[in-house]
C-alpha atoms as a PDB file:
ATOM      1  CA  MET A   1      -0.044   0.055  -0.020  1.00  0.00           C
ATOM      2  CA  ARG A   2       2.839   2.288   0.852  1.00  0.00           C
ATOM      3  CA  SER A   3       4.562   1.776  -2.593  1.00  0.00           C
ATOM      4  CA  PHE A   4       1.244   2.497  -4.315  1.00  0.00           C
ATOM      5  CA  ALA A   5       0.952   5.748  -2.398  1.00  0.00           C
ATOM      6  CA  VAL A   6       4.553   6.613  -3.449  1.00  0.00           C
ATOM      7  CA  PHE A   7       3.635   5.806  -7.071  1.00  0.00           C
ATOM      8  CA  LEU A   8       0.587   8.072  -6.939  1.00  0.00           C
ATOM      9  CA  LEU A   9       2.510  10.875  -5.443  1.00  0.00           C
ATOM     10  CA  GLY A  10       5.155  10.526  -8.175  1.00  0.00           C
ATOM     11  CA  VAL A  11       2.518  10.673 -10.770  1.00  0.00           C
ATOM     12  CA  VAL A  12       1.008  13.757  -9.221  1.00  0.00           C
ATOM     13  CA  VAL A  13       4.338  15.455  -8.996  1.00  0.00           C
ATOM     14  CA  GLY A  14       5.245  14.561 -12.597  1.00  0.00           C
ATOM     15  CA  VAL A  15       1.877  15.966 -13.941  1.00  0.00           C
ATOM     16  CA  VAL A  16       2.328  19.169 -11.981  1.00  0.00           C
ATOM     17  CA  GLY A  17       5.813  19.483 -13.043  1.00  0.00           C
ATOM     18  CA  MET A  18       4.879  18.909 -16.705  1.00  0.00           C
ATOM     19  CA  SER A  19       2.129  21.473 -16.510  1.00  0.00           C
ATOM     20  CA  PHE A  20       3.914  24.240 -15.071  1.00  0.00           C
ATOM     21  CA  LEU A  21       7.235  24.019 -16.666  1.00  0.00           C
ATOM     22  CA  PRO A  22       7.041  25.372 -20.165  1.00  0.00           C
ATOM     23  CA  GLU A  23      10.620  24.388 -21.112  1.00  0.00           C
ATOM     24  CA  LEU A  24       9.571  20.732 -20.977  1.00  0.00           C
ATOM     25  CA  THR A  25       6.718  21.237 -23.428  1.00  0.00           C
ATOM     26  CA  PRO A  26       8.809  20.376 -26.578  1.00  0.00           C
ATOM     27  CA  ARG A  27      10.194  17.314 -24.888  1.00  0.00           C
ATOM     28  CA  ARG A  28       6.749  16.262 -23.727  1.00  0.00           C
ATOM     29  CA  GLU A  29       5.573  16.565 -27.186  1.00  0.00           C
ATOM     30  CA  GLN A  30       8.343  14.513 -28.612  1.00  0.00           C
ATOM     31  CA  LEU A  31       7.818  11.822 -26.015  1.00  0.00           C
ATOM     32  CA  ASN A  32       4.005  11.833 -26.911  1.00  0.00           C
ATOM     33  CA  ALA A  33       4.826  11.267 -30.473  1.00  0.00           C
ATOM     34  CA  GLU A  34       7.215   8.442 -29.703  1.00  0.00           C
ATOM     35  CA  LEU A  35       4.772   6.845 -27.449  1.00  0.00           C
ATOM     36  CA  LYS A  36       2.039   7.109 -30.068  1.00  0.00           C
ATOM     37  CA  LYS A  37       4.175   5.283 -32.617  1.00  0.00           C
ATOM     38  CA  GLN A  38       4.966   2.523 -30.135  1.00  0.00           C
ATOM     39  CA  ILE A  39       1.285   2.197 -29.109  1.00  0.00           C
ATOM     40  CA  ASP A  40       0.275   1.972 -32.836  1.00  0.00           C
ATOM     41  CA  ALA A  41       2.946  -0.787 -33.448  1.00  0.00           C
ATOM     42  CA  LEU A  42       1.678  -2.684 -30.438  1.00  0.00           C
ATOM     43  CA  GLU A  43      -1.907  -2.476 -31.454  1.00  0.00           C
ATOM     44  CA  GLN A  44      -0.997  -3.737 -34.936  1.00  0.00           C
ATOM     45  CA  GLN A  45       0.911  -6.636 -33.309  1.00  0.00           C
ATOM     46  CA  VAL A  46      -2.041  -7.531 -31.080  1.00  0.00           C
ATOM     47  CA  HIS A  47      -4.427  -7.358 -34.031  1.00  0.00           C
ATOM     48  CA  ASP A  48      -2.175  -9.694 -36.071  1.00  0.00           C
ATOM     49  CA  MET A  49      -1.775 -12.069 -33.294  1.00  0.00           C
ATOM     50  CA  GLY A  50      -5.623 -12.166 -32.932  1.00  0.00           C
ATOM     51  CA  ASN A  51      -5.876 -12.923 -36.504  1.00  0.00           C
ATOM     52  CA  GLN A  52      -3.389 -15.712 -36.216  1.00  0.00           C
ATOM     53  CA  LEU A  53      -5.321 -17.211 -33.390  1.00  0.00           C
ATOM     54  CA  LYS A  54      -8.576 -16.989 -35.171  1.00  0.00           C
ATOM     55  CA  SER A  55      -7.119 -18.908 -38.149  1.00  0.00           C
ATOM     56  CA  LEU A  56      -5.797 -21.784 -35.996  1.00  0.00           C
ATOM     57  CA  SER A  57      -8.273 -24.626 -35.906  1.00  0.00           C
ATOM     58  CA  SER A  58      -8.939 -25.997 -32.513  1.00  0.00           C
ATOM     59  CA  PRO A  59      -8.376 -29.734 -32.168  1.00  0.00           C
ATOM     60  CA  LYS A  60     -11.392 -31.949 -31.712  1.00  0.00           C
ATOM     61  CA  PRO A  61     -11.542 -34.082 -28.535  1.00  0.00           C
ATOM     62  CA  GLY A  62     -11.522 -37.342 -30.471  1.00  0.00           C
ATOM     63  CA  ASP A  63      -8.439 -36.549 -32.614  1.00  0.00           C
ATOM     64  CA  GLU A  64      -5.928 -36.513 -29.828  1.00  0.00           C
ATOM     65  CA  ALA A  65      -7.205 -39.860 -28.411  1.00  0.00           C
ATOM     66  CA  GLY A  66      -6.540 -41.722 -31.666  1.00  0.00           C
ATOM     67  CA  LYS A  67      -2.974 -40.292 -32.030  1.00  0.00           C
ATOM     68  CA  GLN A  68      -1.656 -41.226 -28.680  1.00  0.00           C
ATOM     69  CA  THR A  69      -0.241 -44.602 -27.992  1.00  0.00           C
ATOM     70  CA  PRO A  70      -0.362 -46.302 -24.573  1.00  0.00           C
ATOM     71  CA  ALA A  71       2.870 -45.956 -22.587  1.00  0.00           C
ATOM     72  CA  GLY A  72       3.384 -49.742 -22.103  1.00  0.00           C
ATOM     73  CA  SER A  73       3.176 -50.758 -25.842  1.00  0.00           C
ATOM     74  CA  ALA A  74       5.851 -48.319 -27.027  1.00  0.00           C
ATOM     75  CA  HIS A  75       8.617 -51.161 -26.698  1.00  0.00           C
END
């Protein structure tokens, strides 16, 4: 709980600092642009992964039973 409170305090201090320090504005805009690019790339990867998972066919319960051999007869 204490670490969460410290985290929230850090976020508040960061937001206040970014709001009231005009010399940080260009850097903040640059970071926002970089973050937007990374988020777009991650969204595309998640979308692609979702499409790959949709294209996989799920195995039927009877298919696996027919392919497995009993452990004792593998000699």
